[in-house]
Amino acid sequence: MRTRAIATLASVLILMSACVVGMSLPGESGEARDFITRDEMIRANASTVYDAVQKLKPAWFTSRGPTSVTDPSPTMVSVFMNGNQVGDVTYLRGLRPDDVREVRHYDAGEAGARFGMGHPRGVIEVVPRGS
């Protein structure tokens, strides 16, 4: 009985160790972070902020289909700069990485809390270089 308990405990510890090794904290992995810096965009050799996001965080642009049965049109992520909504992702095509300090992504819940309701696909916030 004691051997079985020790074996079970050892198995649990091994499984927990494997889970901890596979985890990363925000900022440790490019995938875990919710922002892209100007330097990262420049290193990615992107000519626009849109190109940088497409190369570095393409999931930010993913449309998940219609938001409701009554409104079948898929909505895209909203874009904000200086606290104001400036449009959708096409706005990012007119911005150069050198003019931006960073670009942040907020999922729908975070976007609702920060920018108000009405952003079911989330928000990309552009932080200009001079801010």
Protein backbone atom coordinates (compact mmCIF):
# COMPACT_ATOMS: atom_id res chain seq x y z
CA MET A 1 0.00 0.00 0.00
CA ARG A 2 2.82 2.39 0.89
CA THR A 3 4.63 1.59 -2.39
CA ARG A 4 1.49 2.36 -4.34
CA ALA A 5 1.09 5.73 -2.58
CA ILE A 6 4.71 6.63 -3.33
CA ALA A 7 4.30 5.64 -6.98
CA THR A 8 1.13 7.74 -7.27
CA LEU A 9 2.84 10.72 -5.65
CA ALA A 10 5.83 10.35 -7.96
CA SER A 11 3.52 10.24 -11.00
CA VAL A 12 1.71 13.38 -9.87
CA LEU A 13 5.00 15.21 -9.33
CA ILE A 14 6.28 14.20 -12.76
CA LEU A 15 3.06 15.40 -14.42
CA MET A 16 3.18 18.70 -12.53
CA SER A 17 6.81 19.20 -13.53
CA ALA A 18 5.94 18.61 -17.17
CA CYS A 19 3.15 21.18 -16.99
CA VAL A 20 5.39 23.80 -15.40
CA VAL A 21 8.12 23.27 -18.00
CA GLY A 22 5.59 23.78 -20.81
CA MET A 23 4.19 27.01 -19.35
CA SER A 24 5.56 30.46 -20.03
CA LEU A 25 4.89 33.73 -18.31
CA PRO A 26 3.71 36.77 -20.25
CA GLY A 27 6.70 38.43 -21.84
CA GLU A 28 8.80 35.26 -21.91
CA SER A 29 7.41 34.02 -25.19
CA GLY A 30 6.44 36.01 -28.27
CA GLU A 31 3.16 34.08 -28.42
CA ALA A 32 2.19 34.86 -24.82
CA ARG A 33 2.56 38.62 -25.19
CA ASP A 34 -0.29 40.86 -26.23
CA PHE A 35 1.85 43.57 -27.82
CA ILE A 36 4.43 44.20 -30.54
CA THR A 37 7.14 46.83 -30.11
CA ARG A 38 8.46 49.18 -32.78
CA ASP A 39 11.82 47.39 -32.75
CA GLU A 40 10.11 44.03 -33.37
CA MET A 41 8.20 45.49 -36.32
CA ILE A 42 11.38 46.95 -37.81
CA ARG A 43 13.29 43.67 -37.30
CA ALA A 44 10.44 41.88 -39.10
CA ASN A 45 11.22 44.12 -42.09
CA ALA A 46 7.59 45.25 -42.27
CA SER A 47 6.75 48.28 -44.38
CA THR A 48 3.46 48.97 -42.55
CA VAL A 49 2.04 48.19 -39.13
CA TYR A 50 -0.51 45.96 -40.88
CA ASP A 51 2.33 43.91 -42.42
CA ALA A 52 4.05 43.67 -39.03
CA VAL A 53 0.94 42.34 -37.31
CA GLN A 54 0.31 39.96 -40.21
CA LYS A 55 3.85 38.56 -39.85
CA LEU A 56 4.18 38.56 -36.06
CA LYS A 57 0.64 38.09 -34.68
CA PRO A 58 -1.68 36.96 -37.52
CA ALA A 59 -4.23 35.61 -35.04
CA TRP A 60 -5.08 39.22 -34.14
CA PHE A 61 -6.71 39.56 -37.58
CA THR A 62 -8.66 36.29 -37.46
CA SER A 63 -12.36 36.77 -37.97
CA ARG A 64 -14.40 34.25 -36.07
CA GLY A 65 -17.49 34.54 -38.23
CA PRO A 66 -20.80 36.22 -37.49
CA THR A 67 -21.38 37.68 -34.05
CA SER A 68 -25.06 36.78 -33.96
CA VAL A 69 -27.81 35.03 -35.89
CA THR A 70 -29.50 38.34 -36.72
CA ASP A 71 -26.28 40.00 -37.94
CA PRO A 72 -24.50 37.55 -40.23
CA SER A 73 -21.70 39.95 -41.26
CA PRO A 74 -18.38 39.03 -39.65
CA THR A 75 -16.80 41.91 -37.80
CA MET A 76 -13.11 42.54 -37.63
CA VAL A 77 -11.02 43.81 -34.77
CA SER A 78 -11.41 47.56 -34.08
CA VAL A 79 -8.39 49.88 -34.10
CA PHE A 80 -7.89 52.64 -31.52
CA MET A 81 -5.23 55.33 -31.23
CA ASN A 82 -4.97 57.97 -28.50
CA GLY A 83 -8.18 56.64 -26.94
CA ASN A 84 -10.24 57.14 -30.11
CA GLN A 85 -11.56 54.56 -32.54
CA VAL A 86 -9.88 55.19 -35.89
CA GLY A 87 -11.35 52.32 -37.89
CA ASP A 88 -10.65 48.68 -38.59
CA VAL A 89 -7.48 46.83 -39.56
CA THR A 90 -7.23 48.65 -42.90
CA TYR A 91 -6.17 51.75 -40.90
CA LEU A 92 -2.94 49.93 -40.01
CA ARG A 93 -1.94 49.89 -43.69
CA GLY A 94 -1.31 53.63 -43.53
CA LEU A 95 1.03 53.50 -40.52
CA ARG A 96 4.77 52.94 -40.67
CA PRO A 97 6.42 50.94 -37.87
CA ASP A 98 8.87 53.79 -37.26
CA ASP A 99 5.97 56.08 -36.25
CA VAL A 100 4.60 53.66 -33.64
CA ARG A 101 5.97 52.85 -30.18
CA GLU A 102 3.91 49.67 -29.85
CA VAL A 103 0.74 47.91 -30.89
CA ARG A 104 -1.40 46.15 -28.28
CA HIS A 105 -4.18 43.60 -28.65
CA TYR A 106 -7.15 43.30 -26.29
CA ASP A 107 -9.62 40.42 -26.54
CA ALA A 108 -13.36 41.17 -26.48
CA GLY A 109 -13.63 41.15 -22.68
CA GLU A 110 -10.63 43.39 -22.13
CA ALA A 111 -11.72 45.66 -24.99
CA GLY A 112 -15.18 46.04 -23.47
CA ALA A 113 -13.74 47.02 -20.10
CA ARG A 114 -11.21 49.45 -21.57
CA PHE A 115 -12.96 50.93 -24.62
CA GLY A 116 -16.66 50.19 -24.02
CA MET A 117 -18.97 47.59 -25.44
CA GLY A 118 -19.31 46.93 -29.15
CA HIS A 119 -15.96 45.30 -29.95
CA PRO A 120 -16.83 41.60 -30.19
CA ARG A 121 -13.58 40.82 -32.06
CA GLY A 122 -11.40 42.82 -29.71
CA VAL A 123 -9.27 45.92 -30.19
CA ILE A 124 -5.83 46.69 -31.52
CA GLU A 125 -4.51 49.81 -29.81
CA VAL A 126 -1.80 51.77 -31.58
CA VAL A 127 0.51 53.69 -29.25
CA PRO A 128 2.22 56.44 -31.28
CA ARG A 129 5.93 56.98 -30.89
CA GLY A 130 5.60 60.39 -29.24
CA SER A 131 3.27 59.12 -26.48
